[in-house]
Amino acid sequence: MNYQQLNLSIPETTYRELKRWVGPGKVTDFVLTYAEIGLHQFRVKKALEDSYGAWSQENHPELSRGTQAYLRCERRDRKIHQ
């Protein structure tokens, strides 16, 4: 993996507390880990926003009686075909 160096300025009190919690020399790993977690959350939010409405009545009429009824029927059909 290629890395890009970043010069990050944070309040000194925050840095001291981070060092106390994660240990000297581990602050960069901590920041990287939580940056990756934040990016994952952004991606999930975007995916949810982009897929809003995909499970509409128009696109999935088989769910007209509700998801529980649909699943019950699907499970019953699977048992019959096994």
N, C-alpha and C. Protein backbone atom coordinates (compact mmCIF):
# COMPACT_ATOMS: atom_id res chain seq x y z
N MET A 1 0.84 -1.18 0.00
CA MET A 1 0.00 0.00 0.00
C MET A 1 0.89 1.24 0.00
N ASN A 2 0.54 2.18 -0.84
CA ASN A 2 1.28 3.45 -0.87
C ASN A 2 0.71 4.38 0.20
N TYR A 3 1.59 5.20 0.77
CA TYR A 3 1.16 6.13 1.81
C TYR A 3 1.44 7.56 1.37
N GLN A 4 0.60 8.47 1.82
CA GLN A 4 0.78 9.90 1.62
C GLN A 4 1.02 10.51 2.99
N GLN A 5 2.09 11.25 3.12
CA GLN A 5 2.39 11.88 4.41
C GLN A 5 1.45 13.04 4.64
N LEU A 6 1.00 13.19 5.88
CA LEU A 6 0.05 14.22 6.25
C LEU A 6 0.58 14.96 7.47
N ASN A 7 0.54 16.25 7.42
CA ASN A 7 0.93 17.06 8.58
C ASN A 7 -0.36 17.52 9.23
N LEU A 8 -0.65 17.00 10.41
CA LEU A 8 -1.92 17.25 11.08
C LEU A 8 -1.68 18.04 12.35
N SER A 9 -2.37 19.13 12.52
CA SER A 9 -2.25 19.94 13.74
C SER A 9 -3.49 19.73 14.60
N ILE A 10 -3.26 19.37 15.86
CA ILE A 10 -4.35 19.20 16.82
C ILE A 10 -3.96 19.93 18.10
N PRO A 11 -4.92 20.27 18.93
CA PRO A 11 -4.59 20.94 20.19
C PRO A 11 -3.63 20.09 21.02
N GLU A 12 -2.71 20.75 21.68
CA GLU A 12 -1.70 20.05 22.48
C GLU A 12 -2.33 19.19 23.57
N THR A 13 -3.41 19.68 24.16
CA THR A 13 -4.07 18.89 25.21
C THR A 13 -4.64 17.59 24.63
N THR A 14 -5.18 17.65 23.42
CA THR A 14 -5.71 16.46 22.75
C THR A 14 -4.58 15.48 22.48
N TYR A 15 -3.46 15.99 21.98
CA TYR A 15 -2.30 15.14 21.69
C TYR A 15 -1.79 14.46 22.95
N ARG A 16 -1.67 15.22 24.03
CA ARG A 16 -1.17 14.63 25.29
C ARG A 16 -2.12 13.54 25.79
N GLU A 17 -3.41 13.80 25.70
CA GLU A 17 -4.37 12.80 26.16
C GLU A 17 -4.34 11.55 25.27
N LEU A 18 -4.22 11.76 23.96
CA LEU A 18 -4.10 10.61 23.05
C LEU A 18 -2.87 9.78 23.41
N LYS A 19 -1.75 10.44 23.63
CA LYS A 19 -0.52 9.71 23.99
C LYS A 19 -0.72 8.93 25.29
N ARG A 20 -1.44 9.53 26.23
CA ARG A 20 -1.68 8.87 27.52
C ARG A 20 -2.55 7.63 27.32
N TRP A 21 -3.56 7.72 26.44
CA TRP A 21 -4.48 6.60 26.24
C TRP A 21 -3.92 5.51 25.33
N VAL A 22 -3.30 5.91 24.22
CA VAL A 22 -2.87 4.91 23.24
C VAL A 22 -1.38 4.61 23.31
N GLY A 23 -0.63 5.45 23.99
CA GLY A 23 0.81 5.22 24.15
C GLY A 23 1.62 6.01 23.13
N PRO A 24 2.83 6.37 23.53
CA PRO A 24 3.71 7.10 22.62
C PRO A 24 3.98 6.28 21.37
N GLY A 25 4.01 6.93 20.23
CA GLY A 25 4.29 6.24 18.98
C GLY A 25 3.08 5.54 18.38
N LYS A 26 1.94 5.62 19.04
CA LYS A 26 0.73 4.94 18.53
C LYS A 26 -0.35 5.92 18.10
N VAL A 27 -0.09 7.21 18.23
CA VAL A 27 -1.09 8.21 17.89
C VAL A 27 -1.44 8.15 16.41
N THR A 28 -0.45 8.00 15.55
CA THR A 28 -0.71 7.93 14.11
C THR A 28 -1.60 6.74 13.78
N ASP A 29 -1.33 5.58 14.38
CA ASP A 29 -2.16 4.39 14.14
C ASP A 29 -3.60 4.64 14.59
N PHE A 30 -3.74 5.30 15.74
CA PHE A 30 -5.07 5.61 16.26
C PHE A 30 -5.83 6.51 15.29
N VAL A 31 -5.18 7.59 14.84
CA VAL A 31 -5.82 8.53 13.92
C VAL A 31 -6.19 7.83 12.62
N LEU A 32 -5.31 7.00 12.10
CA LEU A 32 -5.58 6.27 10.86
C LEU A 32 -6.77 5.33 11.02
N THR A 33 -6.79 4.59 12.11
CA THR A 33 -7.89 3.65 12.36
C THR A 33 -9.22 4.38 12.38
N TYR A 34 -9.29 5.48 13.12
CA TYR A 34 -10.57 6.18 13.24
C TYR A 34 -10.91 6.97 11.98
N ALA A 35 -9.93 7.36 11.20
CA ALA A 35 -10.22 7.98 9.89
C ALA A 35 -10.86 6.94 8.98
N GLU A 36 -10.34 5.70 9.01
CA GLU A 36 -10.91 4.63 8.19
C GLU A 36 -12.33 4.29 8.64
N ILE A 37 -12.58 4.28 9.94
CA ILE A 37 -13.93 4.04 10.46
C ILE A 37 -14.87 5.14 9.98
N GLY A 38 -14.42 6.39 10.06
CA GLY A 38 -15.24 7.51 9.60
C GLY A 38 -15.56 7.41 8.11
N LEU A 39 -14.56 7.04 7.30
CA LEU A 39 -14.78 6.88 5.87
C LEU A 39 -15.79 5.77 5.59
N HIS A 40 -15.69 4.68 6.32
CA HIS A 40 -16.65 3.59 6.16
C HIS A 40 -18.07 4.08 6.46
N GLN A 41 -18.23 4.87 7.51
CA GLN A 41 -19.54 5.41 7.86
C GLN A 41 -20.08 6.32 6.75
N PHE A 42 -19.20 7.14 6.16
CA PHE A 42 -19.62 7.98 5.03
C PHE A 42 -20.11 7.12 3.86
N ARG A 43 -19.37 6.04 3.56
CA ARG A 43 -19.73 5.17 2.43
C ARG A 43 -21.08 4.49 2.68
N VAL A 44 -21.29 4.01 3.91
CA VAL A 44 -22.56 3.36 4.24
C VAL A 44 -23.70 4.36 4.12
N LYS A 45 -23.52 5.56 4.64
CA LYS A 45 -24.55 6.59 4.56
C LYS A 45 -24.88 6.90 3.10
N LYS A 46 -23.87 7.03 2.27
CA LYS A 46 -24.08 7.32 0.85
C LYS A 46 -24.84 6.18 0.17
N ALA A 47 -24.45 4.94 0.47
CA ALA A 47 -25.12 3.79 -0.12
C ALA A 47 -26.59 3.74 0.29
N LEU A 48 -26.87 4.05 1.55
CA LEU A 48 -28.25 4.07 2.01
C LEU A 48 -29.05 5.17 1.32
N GLU A 49 -28.44 6.34 1.19
CA GLU A 49 -29.12 7.44 0.51
C GLU A 49 -29.36 7.10 -0.96
N ASP A 50 -28.36 6.51 -1.62
CA ASP A 50 -28.49 6.18 -3.04
C ASP A 50 -29.53 5.09 -3.30
N SER A 51 -29.72 4.19 -2.32
CA SER A 51 -30.64 3.08 -2.53
C SER A 51 -32.03 3.36 -1.99
N TYR A 52 -32.25 4.55 -1.46
CA TYR A 52 -33.56 4.88 -0.91
C TYR A 52 -34.64 4.69 -1.98
N GLY A 53 -35.68 3.97 -1.62
CA GLY A 53 -36.79 3.76 -2.54
C GLY A 53 -36.65 2.53 -3.42
N ALA A 54 -35.51 1.85 -3.35
CA ALA A 54 -35.30 0.68 -4.21
C ALA A 54 -36.30 -0.43 -3.89
N TRP A 55 -36.76 -0.49 -2.65
CA TRP A 55 -37.71 -1.53 -2.26
C TRP A 55 -39.13 -0.96 -2.22
N SER A 56 -39.50 -0.26 -3.27
CA SER A 56 -40.84 0.33 -3.33
C SER A 56 -41.86 -0.73 -3.74
N GLN A 57 -43.10 -0.41 -3.48
CA GLN A 57 -44.21 -1.29 -3.86
C GLN A 57 -44.20 -1.55 -5.36
N GLU A 58 -43.87 -0.53 -6.11
CA GLU A 58 -43.84 -0.65 -7.57
C GLU A 58 -42.78 -1.65 -8.03
N ASN A 59 -41.61 -1.62 -7.39
CA ASN A 59 -40.51 -2.50 -7.78
C ASN A 59 -40.64 -3.91 -7.21
N HIS A 60 -41.37 -4.05 -6.11
CA HIS A 60 -41.48 -5.35 -5.44
C HIS A 60 -42.91 -5.63 -5.00
N PRO A 61 -43.80 -5.91 -5.95
CA PRO A 61 -45.20 -6.17 -5.59
C PRO A 61 -45.37 -7.42 -4.72
N GLU A 62 -44.38 -8.32 -4.75
CA GLU A 62 -44.48 -9.53 -3.94
C GLU A 62 -44.49 -9.23 -2.44
N LEU A 63 -44.13 -8.02 -2.07
CA LEU A 63 -44.12 -7.63 -0.66
C LEU A 63 -45.40 -6.90 -0.26
N SER A 64 -46.42 -6.93 -1.10
CA SER A 64 -47.65 -6.15 -0.84
C SER A 64 -48.35 -6.56 0.45
N ARG A 65 -48.22 -7.83 0.84
CA ARG A 65 -48.86 -8.29 2.09
C ARG A 65 -47.92 -8.16 3.28
N GLY A 66 -46.77 -7.56 3.08
CA GLY A 66 -45.82 -7.36 4.17
C GLY A 66 -44.67 -8.36 4.08
N THR A 67 -43.56 -8.00 4.67
CA THR A 67 -42.37 -8.85 4.58
C THR A 67 -42.54 -10.16 5.34
N GLN A 68 -43.25 -10.12 6.48
CA GLN A 68 -43.41 -11.37 7.24
C GLN A 68 -44.21 -12.39 6.45
N ALA A 69 -45.27 -11.96 5.82
CA ALA A 69 -46.08 -12.88 5.01
C ALA A 69 -45.26 -13.41 3.83
N TYR A 70 -44.49 -12.53 3.21
CA TYR A 70 -43.65 -12.94 2.09
C TYR A 70 -42.63 -13.99 2.53
N LEU A 71 -41.95 -13.74 3.64
CA LEU A 71 -40.94 -14.69 4.13
C LEU A 71 -41.57 -16.01 4.54
N ARG A 72 -42.73 -15.96 5.17
CA ARG A 72 -43.41 -17.19 5.57
C ARG A 72 -43.71 -18.04 4.33
N CYS A 73 -44.19 -17.40 3.29
CA CYS A 73 -44.51 -18.08 2.04
C CYS A 73 -43.23 -18.65 1.40
N GLU A 74 -42.18 -17.87 1.35
CA GLU A 74 -40.90 -18.32 0.78
C GLU A 74 -40.36 -19.53 1.54
N ARG A 75 -40.41 -19.47 2.84
CA ARG A 75 -39.90 -20.58 3.66
C ARG A 75 -40.75 -21.84 3.46
N ARG A 76 -42.06 -21.65 3.36
CA ARG A 76 -42.95 -22.79 3.12
C ARG A 76 -42.63 -23.42 1.76
N ASP A 77 -42.46 -22.59 0.74
CA ASP A 77 -42.14 -23.09 -0.59
C ASP A 77 -40.81 -23.82 -0.62
N ARG A 78 -39.82 -23.35 0.12
CA ARG A 78 -38.53 -24.02 0.17
C ARG A 78 -38.64 -25.41 0.77
N LYS A 79 -39.46 -25.53 1.82
CA LYS A 79 -39.65 -26.83 2.46
C LYS A 79 -40.30 -27.82 1.51
N ILE A 80 -41.24 -27.33 0.73
CA ILE A 80 -41.94 -28.19 -0.23
C ILE A 80 -40.96 -28.68 -1.29
N HIS A 81 -40.05 -27.85 -1.76
CA HIS A 81 -39.14 -28.21 -2.85
C HIS A 81 -37.88 -28.92 -2.39
N GLN A 82 -37.71 -29.09 -1.11
CA GLN A 82 -36.49 -29.78 -0.63
C GLN A 82 -36.64 -31.27 -0.67
